[in-house]
């Protein structure tokens, strides 16, 4: 069995960061698509009362949109810094 098959069909991330918030964990990964182009995967995992499995949500930003996505993140981060002051 290949590593990809063992990992639920996903290749091992090139880079990975986990951030623990209050009640929610955030997973940010850089992965390679089937045609070996990088993409960004942002997932959240949250356990709700009474549920066995955590609720998981993901978004994927592919190479074509990475630059505009990061520009948008930078703009909102600057706005958040101004509000926090």
PDB file of N, CA and C in Angstrom:
ATOM      1  N   UNK A   1       0.852  -1.184   0.000  1.00  0.00           N
ATOM      2  CA  UNK A   1       0.000   0.000   0.000  1.00  0.00           C
ATOM      3  C   UNK A   1       0.894   1.243   0.000  1.00  0.00           C
ATOM      4  N   UNK A   2       0.620   2.183  -0.907  1.00  0.00           N
ATOM      5  CA  UNK A   2       1.440   3.391  -1.004  1.00  0.00           C
ATOM      6  C   UNK A   2       1.149   4.334   0.160  1.00  0.00           C
ATOM      7  N   UNK A   3       2.070   5.281   0.373  1.00  0.00           N
ATOM      8  CA  UNK A   3       1.879   6.284   1.434  1.00  0.00           C
ATOM      9  C   UNK A   3       0.612   7.089   1.185  1.00  0.00           C
ATOM     10  N   UNK A   4       0.348   7.395  -0.087  1.00  0.00           N
ATOM     11  CA  UNK A   4      -0.853   8.161  -0.440  1.00  0.00           C
ATOM     12  C   UNK A   4      -2.117   7.390  -0.076  1.00  0.00           C
ATOM     13  N   UNK A   5      -2.148   6.095  -0.330  1.00  0.00           N
ATOM     14  CA  UNK A   5      -3.317   5.290   0.020  1.00  0.00           C
ATOM     15  C   UNK A   5      -3.482   5.198   1.529  1.00  0.00           C
ATOM     16  N   UNK A   6      -2.375   5.107   2.251  1.00  0.00           N
ATOM     17  CA  UNK A   6      -2.433   5.037   3.701  1.00  0.00           C
ATOM     18  C   UNK A   6      -2.898   6.350   4.310  1.00  0.00           C
ATOM     19  N   UNK A   7      -2.709   7.447   3.604  1.00  0.00           N
ATOM     20  CA  UNK A   7      -3.024   8.778   4.112  1.00  0.00           C
ATOM     21  C   UNK A   7      -4.376   9.269   3.586  1.00  0.00           C
ATOM     22  N   UNK A   8      -5.300   8.379   3.314  1.00  0.00           N
ATOM     23  CA  UNK A   8      -6.640   8.766   2.877  1.00  0.00           C
ATOM     24  C   UNK A   8      -6.686   9.357   1.489  1.00  0.00           C
ATOM     25  N   UNK A   9      -5.727   9.024   0.619  1.00  0.00           N
ATOM     26  CA  UNK A   9      -5.715   9.551  -0.739  1.00  0.00           C
ATOM     27  C   UNK A   9      -4.973  10.856  -0.885  1.00  0.00           C
ATOM     28  N   UNK A  10      -4.435  11.384   0.204  1.00  0.00           N
ATOM     29  CA  UNK A  10      -3.714  12.644   0.164  1.00  0.00           C
ATOM     30  C   UNK A  10      -2.216  12.402   0.265  1.00  0.00           C
ATOM     31  N   UNK A  11      -1.455  13.173  -0.490  1.00  0.00           N
ATOM     32  CA  UNK A  11      -0.005  13.125  -0.358  1.00  0.00           C
ATOM     33  C   UNK A  11       0.387  13.836   0.938  1.00  0.00           C
ATOM     34  N   UNK A  12       1.526  13.462   1.462  1.00  0.00           N
ATOM     35  CA  UNK A  12       2.049  14.087   2.671  1.00  0.00           C
ATOM     36  C   UNK A  12       2.267  15.583   2.405  1.00  0.00           C
ATOM     37  N   UNK A  13       1.897  16.459   3.359  1.00  0.00           N
ATOM     38  CA  UNK A  13       2.069  17.902   3.133  1.00  0.00           C
ATOM     39  C   UNK A  13       3.536  18.293   2.983  1.00  0.00           C
ATOM     40  N   UNK A  14       3.789  19.316   2.158  1.00  0.00           N
ATOM     41  CA  UNK A  14       5.133  19.874   2.017  1.00  0.00           C
ATOM     42  C   UNK A  14       5.476  20.725   3.229  1.00  0.00           C
ATOM     43  N   UNK A  15       4.475  21.387   3.770  1.00  0.00           N
ATOM     44  CA  UNK A  15       4.615  22.209   4.975  1.00  0.00           C
ATOM     45  C   UNK A  15       3.285  22.150   5.713  1.00  0.00           C
ATOM     46  N   UNK A  16       3.352  22.194   7.037  1.00  0.00           N
ATOM     47  CA  UNK A  16       2.135  22.050   7.822  1.00  0.00           C
ATOM     48  C   UNK A  16       2.237  22.847   9.111  1.00  0.00           C
ATOM     49  N   UNK A  17       1.134  23.437   9.517  1.00  0.00           N
ATOM     50  CA  UNK A  17       1.062  24.200  10.771  1.00  0.00           C
ATOM     51  C   UNK A  17      -0.284  23.915  11.423  1.00  0.00           C
ATOM     52  N   UNK A  18      -0.273  23.643  12.720  1.00  0.00           N
ATOM     53  CA  UNK A  18      -1.511  23.449  13.459  1.00  0.00           C
ATOM     54  C   UNK A  18      -1.621  24.576  14.495  1.00  0.00           C
ATOM     55  N   UNK A  19      -2.791  25.185  14.571  1.00  0.00           N
ATOM     56  CA  UNK A  19      -3.046  26.262  15.519  1.00  0.00           C
ATOM     57  C   UNK A  19      -4.238  25.850  16.362  1.00  0.00           C
ATOM     58  N   UNK A  20      -4.048  25.832  17.671  1.00  0.00           N
ATOM     59  CA  UNK A  20      -5.149  25.465  18.572  1.00  0.00           C
ATOM     60  C   UNK A  20      -5.814  26.737  19.093  1.00  0.00           C
ATOM     61  N   UNK A  21      -7.106  26.842  18.843  1.00  0.00           N
ATOM     62  CA  UNK A  21      -7.895  27.942  19.373  1.00  0.00           C
ATOM     63  C   UNK A  21      -8.788  27.409  20.483  1.00  0.00           C
ATOM     64  N   UNK A  22      -9.673  28.245  20.969  1.00  0.00           N
ATOM     65  CA  UNK A  22     -10.626  27.800  21.995  1.00  0.00           C
ATOM     66  C   UNK A  22     -11.694  26.938  21.324  1.00  0.00           C
ATOM     67  N   UNK A  23     -11.581  25.636  21.522  1.00  0.00           N
ATOM     68  CA  UNK A  23     -12.579  24.719  20.988  1.00  0.00           C
ATOM     69  C   UNK A  23     -12.424  24.368  19.525  1.00  0.00           C
ATOM     70  N   UNK A  24     -11.497  25.001  18.832  1.00  0.00           N
ATOM     71  CA  UNK A  24     -11.297  24.734  17.409  1.00  0.00           C
ATOM     72  C   UNK A  24      -9.805  24.601  17.136  1.00  0.00           C
ATOM     73  N   UNK A  25      -9.457  23.632  16.304  1.00  0.00           N
ATOM     74  CA  UNK A  25      -8.085  23.489  15.832  1.00  0.00           C
ATOM     75  C   UNK A  25      -8.064  23.853  14.355  1.00  0.00           C
ATOM     76  N   UNK A  26      -7.017  24.550  13.942  1.00  0.00           N
ATOM     77  CA  UNK A  26      -6.850  24.975  12.557  1.00  0.00           C
ATOM     78  C   UNK A  26      -5.628  24.268  11.986  1.00  0.00           C
ATOM     79  N   UNK A  27      -5.762  23.733  10.797  1.00  0.00           N
ATOM     80  CA  UNK A  27      -4.676  23.035  10.121  1.00  0.00           C
ATOM     81  C   UNK A  27      -4.418  23.748   8.795  1.00  0.00           C
ATOM     82  N   UNK A  28      -3.202  24.209   8.608  1.00  0.00           N
ATOM     83  CA  UNK A  28      -2.828  24.908   7.383  1.00  0.00           C
ATOM     84  C   UNK A  28      -1.702  24.106   6.743  1.00  0.00           C
ATOM     85  N   UNK A  29      -1.942  23.624   5.533  1.00  0.00           N
ATOM     86  CA  UNK A  29      -0.980  22.770   4.845  1.00  0.00           C
ATOM     87  C   UNK A  29      -0.705  23.278   3.439  1.00  0.00           C
ATOM     88  N   UNK A  30       0.496  23.044   2.974  1.00  0.00           N
ATOM     89  CA  UNK A  30       0.829  23.175   1.557  1.00  0.00           C
ATOM     90  C   UNK A  30       0.969  21.745   1.051  1.00  0.00           C
ATOM     91  N   UNK A  31       0.196  21.412   0.024  1.00  0.00           N
ATOM     92  CA  UNK A  31       0.201  20.058  -0.539  1.00  0.00           C
ATOM     93  C   UNK A  31       0.421  20.138  -2.047  1.00  0.00           C
ATOM     94  N   UNK A  32       0.662  19.006  -2.644  1.00  0.00           N
ATOM     95  CA  UNK A  32       0.767  18.922  -4.099  1.00  0.00           C
ATOM     96  C   UNK A  32      -0.478  18.244  -4.652  1.00  0.00           C
ATOM     97  N   UNK A  33      -1.013  18.821  -5.728  1.00  0.00           N
ATOM     98  CA  UNK A  33      -2.170  18.224  -6.395  1.00  0.00           C
ATOM     99  C   UNK A  33      -1.715  17.009  -7.203  1.00  0.00           C
ATOM    100  N   UNK A  34      -2.660  16.351  -7.834  1.00  0.00           N
ATOM    101  CA  UNK A  34      -2.327  15.173  -8.638  1.00  0.00           C
ATOM    102  C   UNK A  34      -1.359  15.505  -9.761  1.00  0.00           C
ATOM    103  N   UNK A  35      -1.422  16.742 -10.284  1.00  0.00           N
ATOM    104  CA  UNK A  35      -0.495  17.129 -11.351  1.00  0.00           C
ATOM    105  C   UNK A  35       0.731  17.871 -10.791  1.00  0.00           C
ATOM    106  N   UNK A  36       0.984  17.686  -9.490  1.00  0.00           N
ATOM    107  CA  UNK A  36       2.174  18.194  -8.798  1.00  0.00           C
ATOM    108  C   UNK A  36       2.282  19.717  -8.747  1.00  0.00           C
ATOM    109  N   UNK A  37       1.152  20.418  -8.725  1.00  0.00           N
ATOM    110  CA  UNK A  37       1.178  21.859  -8.479  1.00  0.00           C
ATOM    111  C   UNK A  37       0.765  22.102  -7.024  1.00  0.00           C
ATOM    112  N   UNK A  38       1.399  23.050  -6.362  1.00  0.00           N
ATOM    113  CA  UNK A  38       1.096  23.273  -4.948  1.00  0.00           C
ATOM    114  C   UNK A  38      -0.256  23.951  -4.744  1.00  0.00           C
ATOM    115  N   UNK A  39      -0.881  23.628  -3.629  1.00  0.00           N
ATOM    116  CA  UNK A  39      -2.103  24.319  -3.226  1.00  0.00           C
ATOM    117  C   UNK A  39      -2.119  24.435  -1.714  1.00  0.00           C
ATOM    118  N   UNK A  40      -2.909  25.382  -1.225  1.00  0.00           N
ATOM    119  CA  UNK A  40      -3.050  25.644   0.199  1.00  0.00           C
ATOM    120  C   UNK A  40      -4.333  24.988   0.688  1.00  0.00           C
ATOM    121  N   UNK A  41      -4.237  24.264   1.785  1.00  0.00           N
ATOM    122  CA  UNK A  41      -5.392  23.619   2.404  1.00  0.00           C
ATOM    123  C   UNK A  41      -5.551  24.213   3.801  1.00  0.00           C
ATOM    124  N   UNK A  42      -6.730  24.764   4.090  1.00  0.00           N
ATOM    125  CA  UNK A  42      -7.028  25.314   5.412  1.00  0.00           C
ATOM    126  C   UNK A  42      -8.237  24.560   5.947  1.00  0.00           C
ATOM    127  N   UNK A  43      -8.042  23.874   7.063  1.00  0.00           N
ATOM    128  CA  UNK A  43      -9.120  23.067   7.645  1.00  0.00           C
ATOM    129  C   UNK A  43      -9.343  23.459   9.100  1.00  0.00           C
ATOM    130  N   UNK A  44     -10.579  23.313   9.543  1.00  0.00           N
ATOM    131  CA  UNK A  44     -10.916  23.493  10.949  1.00  0.00           C
ATOM    132  C   UNK A  44     -11.474  22.187  11.468  1.00  0.00           C
ATOM    133  N   UNK A  45     -11.254  21.936  12.734  1.00  0.00           N
ATOM    134  CA  UNK A  45     -11.787  20.752  13.377  1.00  0.00           C
ATOM    135  C   UNK A  45     -12.342  21.184  14.725  1.00  0.00           C
ATOM    136  N   UNK A  46     -13.602  20.858  14.962  1.00  0.00           N
ATOM    137  CA  UNK A  46     -14.277  21.277  16.197  1.00  0.00           C
ATOM    138  C   UNK A  46     -15.126  20.129  16.717  1.00  0.00           C
ATOM    139  N   UNK A  47     -14.978  19.849  17.989  1.00  0.00           N
ATOM    140  CA  UNK A  47     -15.814  18.830  18.633  1.00  0.00           C
ATOM    141  C   UNK A  47     -17.038  19.501  19.230  1.00  0.00           C
ATOM    142  N   UNK A  48     -18.182  19.002  18.851  1.00  0.00           N
ATOM    143  CA  UNK A  48     -19.446  19.505  19.395  1.00  0.00           C
ATOM    144  C   UNK A  48     -19.939  18.540  20.468  1.00  0.00           C
ATOM    145  N   UNK A  49     -20.607  19.080  21.452  1.00  0.00           N
ATOM    146  CA  UNK A  49     -21.153  18.246  22.526  1.00  0.00           C
ATOM    147  C   UNK A  49     -22.080  17.192  21.940  1.00  0.00           C
ATOM    148  N   UNK A  50     -21.912  15.966  22.392  1.00  0.00           N
ATOM    149  CA  UNK A  50     -22.775  14.881  21.949  1.00  0.00           C
ATOM    150  C   UNK A  50     -22.374  14.240  20.640  1.00  0.00           C
ATOM    151  N   UNK A  51     -21.308  14.701  20.015  1.00  0.00           N
ATOM    152  CA  UNK A  51     -20.851  14.104  18.764  1.00  0.00           C
ATOM    153  C   UNK A  51     -19.574  13.316  19.005  1.00  0.00           C
ATOM    154  N   UNK A  52     -19.516  12.129  18.433  1.00  0.00           N
ATOM    155  CA  UNK A  52     -18.317  11.309  18.555  1.00  0.00           C
ATOM    156  C   UNK A  52     -17.178  11.850  17.719  1.00  0.00           C
ATOM    157  N   UNK A  53     -17.474  12.141  16.466  1.00  0.00           N
ATOM    158  CA  UNK A  53     -16.444  12.624  15.538  1.00  0.00           C
ATOM    159  C   UNK A  53     -16.456  14.150  15.504  1.00  0.00           C
ATOM    160  N   UNK A  54     -15.280  14.750  15.358  1.00  0.00           N
ATOM    161  CA  UNK A  54     -15.245  16.208  15.241  1.00  0.00           C
ATOM    162  C   UNK A  54     -15.814  16.680  13.900  1.00  0.00           C
ATOM    163  N   UNK A  55     -16.361  17.875  13.900  1.00  0.00           N
ATOM    164  CA  UNK A  55     -16.847  18.502  12.668  1.00  0.00           C
ATOM    165  C   UNK A  55     -15.632  19.104  11.966  1.00  0.00           C
ATOM    166  N   UNK A  56     -15.480  18.796  10.693  1.00  0.00           N
ATOM    167  CA  UNK A  56     -14.298  19.250   9.961  1.00  0.00           C
ATOM    168  C   UNK A  56     -14.745  19.980   8.700  1.00  0.00           C
ATOM    169  N   UNK A  57     -14.152  21.148   8.467  1.00  0.00           N
ATOM    170  CA  UNK A  57     -14.429  21.937   7.267  1.00  0.00           C
ATOM    171  C   UNK A  57     -13.103  22.345   6.646  1.00  0.00           C
ATOM    172  N   UNK A  58     -13.052  22.309   5.314  1.00  0.00           N
ATOM    173  CA  UNK A  58     -11.809  22.649   4.616  1.00  0.00           C
ATOM    174  C   UNK A  58     -12.090  23.566   3.431  1.00  0.00           C
ATOM    175  N   UNK A  59     -11.091  24.395   3.143  1.00  0.00           N
ATOM    176  CA  UNK A  59     -11.088  25.136   1.882  1.00  0.00           C
ATOM    177  C   UNK A  59      -9.732  24.887   1.229  1.00  0.00           C
ATOM    178  N   UNK A  60      -9.735  24.916  -0.085  1.00  0.00           N
ATOM    179  CA  UNK A  60      -8.519  24.681  -0.845  1.00  0.00           C
ATOM    180  C   UNK A  60      -8.304  25.871  -1.766  1.00  0.00           C
ATOM    181  N   UNK A  61      -7.104  26.431  -1.737  1.00  0.00           N
ATOM    182  CA  UNK A  61      -6.755  27.541  -2.611  1.00  0.00           C
ATOM    183  C   UNK A  61      -5.654  27.039  -3.530  1.00  0.00           C
ATOM    184  N   UNK A  62      -5.973  26.980  -4.813  1.00  0.00           N
ATOM    185  CA  UNK A  62      -5.042  26.433  -5.777  1.00  0.00           C
ATOM    186  C   UNK A  62      -4.081  27.503  -6.286  1.00  0.00           C
ATOM    187  N   UNK A  63      -3.022  27.054  -6.913  1.00  0.00           N
ATOM    188  CA  UNK A  63      -1.906  27.901  -7.306  1.00  0.00           C
ATOM    189  C   UNK A  63      -2.346  29.165  -8.053  1.00  0.00           C
ATOM    190  N   UNK A  64      -3.322  29.056  -8.927  1.00  0.00           N
ATOM    191  CA  UNK A  64      -3.771  30.206  -9.714  1.00  0.00           C
ATOM    192  C   UNK A  64      -4.307  31.341  -8.843  1.00  0.00           C
ATOM    193  N   UNK A  65      -4.821  31.019  -7.656  1.00  0.00           N
ATOM    194  CA  UNK A  65      -5.438  32.020  -6.794  1.00  0.00           C
ATOM    195  C   UNK A  65      -4.619  32.361  -5.550  1.00  0.00           C
ATOM    196  N   UNK A  66      -3.476  31.726  -5.364  1.00  0.00           N
ATOM    197  CA  UNK A  66      -2.698  31.945  -4.144  1.00  0.00           C
ATOM    198  C   UNK A  66      -2.311  33.408  -3.941  1.00  0.00           C
ATOM    199  N   UNK A  67      -1.825  34.064  -4.983  1.00  0.00           N
ATOM    200  CA  UNK A  67      -1.361  35.446  -4.848  1.00  0.00           C
ATOM    201  C   UNK A  67      -2.501  36.377  -4.418  1.00  0.00           C
ATOM    202  N   UNK A  68      -3.659  36.290  -5.061  1.00  0.00           N
ATOM    203  CA  UNK A  68      -4.759  37.183  -4.687  1.00  0.00           C
ATOM    204  C   UNK A  68      -5.319  36.819  -3.314  1.00  0.00           C
ATOM    205  N   UNK A  69      -5.262  35.545  -2.955  1.00  0.00           N
ATOM    206  CA  UNK A  69      -5.705  35.132  -1.624  1.00  0.00           C
ATOM    207  C   UNK A  69      -4.811  35.753  -0.555  1.00  0.00           C
ATOM    208  N   UNK A  70      -3.487  35.663  -0.741  1.00  0.00           N
ATOM    209  CA  UNK A  70      -2.557  36.230   0.235  1.00  0.00           C
ATOM    210  C   UNK A  70      -2.676  37.760   0.307  1.00  0.00           C
ATOM    211  N   UNK A  71      -2.934  38.411  -0.820  1.00  0.00           N
ATOM    212  CA  UNK A  71      -3.153  39.864  -0.807  1.00  0.00           C
ATOM    213  C   UNK A  71      -4.371  40.207   0.046  1.00  0.00           C
ATOM    214  N   UNK A  72      -5.439  39.441  -0.103  1.00  0.00           N
ATOM    215  CA  UNK A  72      -6.643  39.662   0.695  1.00  0.00           C
ATOM    216  C   UNK A  72      -6.402  39.413   2.175  1.00  0.00           C
ATOM    217  N   UNK A  73      -5.663  38.361   2.498  1.00  0.00           N
ATOM    218  CA  UNK A  73      -5.324  38.065   3.899  1.00  0.00           C
ATOM    219  C   UNK A  73      -4.512  39.209   4.497  1.00  0.00           C
ATOM    220  N   UNK A  74      -3.531  39.707   3.753  1.00  0.00           N
ATOM    221  CA  UNK A  74      -2.709  40.816   4.252  1.00  0.00           C
ATOM    222  C   UNK A  74      -3.546  42.062   4.507  1.00  0.00           C
ATOM    223  N   UNK A  75      -4.476  42.375   3.614  1.00  0.00           N
ATOM    224  CA  UNK A  75      -5.338  43.544   3.803  1.00  0.00           C
ATOM    225  C   UNK A  75      -6.189  43.408   5.065  1.00  0.00           C
ATOM    226  N   UNK A  76      -6.779  42.241   5.262  1.00  0.00           N
ATOM    227  CA  UNK A  76      -7.650  42.060   6.433  1.00  0.00           C
ATOM    228  C   UNK A  76      -6.825  42.028   7.714  1.00  0.00           C
ATOM    229  N   UNK A  77      -5.592  41.508   7.658  1.00  0.00           N
ATOM    230  CA  UNK A  77      -4.720  41.496   8.832  1.00  0.00           C
ATOM    231  C   UNK A  77      -4.349  42.929   9.221  1.00  0.00           C
ATOM    232  N   UNK A  78      -4.052  43.785   8.245  1.00  0.00           N
ATOM    233  CA  UNK A  78      -3.761  45.197   8.530  1.00  0.00           C
ATOM    234  C   UNK A  78      -4.966  45.898   9.148  1.00  0.00           C
ATOM    235  N   UNK A  79      -6.159  45.617   8.634  1.00  0.00           N
ATOM    236  CA  UNK A  79      -7.371  46.209   9.184  1.00  0.00           C
ATOM    237  C   UNK A  79      -7.596  45.739  10.619  1.00  0.00           C
ATOM    238  N   UNK A  80      -7.336  44.476  10.883  1.00  0.00           N
ATOM    239  CA  UNK A  80      -7.507  43.930  12.238  1.00  0.00           C
ATOM    240  C   UNK A  80      -6.535  44.579  13.212  1.00  0.00           C
ATOM    241  N   UNK A  81      -5.306  44.844  12.777  1.00  0.00           N
ATOM    242  CA  UNK A  81      -4.325  45.518  13.637  1.00  0.00           C
ATOM    243  C   UNK A  81      -4.791  46.927  13.999  1.00  0.00           C
ATOM    244  N   UNK A  82      -5.384  47.643  13.044  1.00  0.00           N
ATOM    245  CA  UNK A  82      -5.874  48.996  13.310  1.00  0.00           C
ATOM    246  C   UNK A  82      -7.024  48.974  14.300  1.00  0.00           C
ATOM    247  N   UNK A  83      -7.908  48.014  14.177  1.00  0.00           N
ATOM    248  CA  UNK A  83      -9.057  47.894  15.065  1.00  0.00           C
ATOM    249  C   UNK A  83      -8.602  47.540  16.474  1.00  0.00           C
ATOM    250  N   UNK A  84      -7.565  46.703  16.595  1.00  0.00           N
ATOM    251  CA  UNK A  84      -7.081  46.232  17.895  1.00  0.00           C
ATOM    252  C   UNK A  84      -6.354  47.323  18.675  1.00  0.00           C
ATOM    253  N   UNK A  85      -5.908  48.380  18.021  1.00  0.00           N
ATOM    254  CA  UNK A  85      -5.143  49.449  18.700  1.00  0.00           C
ATOM    255  C   UNK A  85      -6.031  50.336  19.525  1.00  0.00           C
TER     256      UNK A  85
END
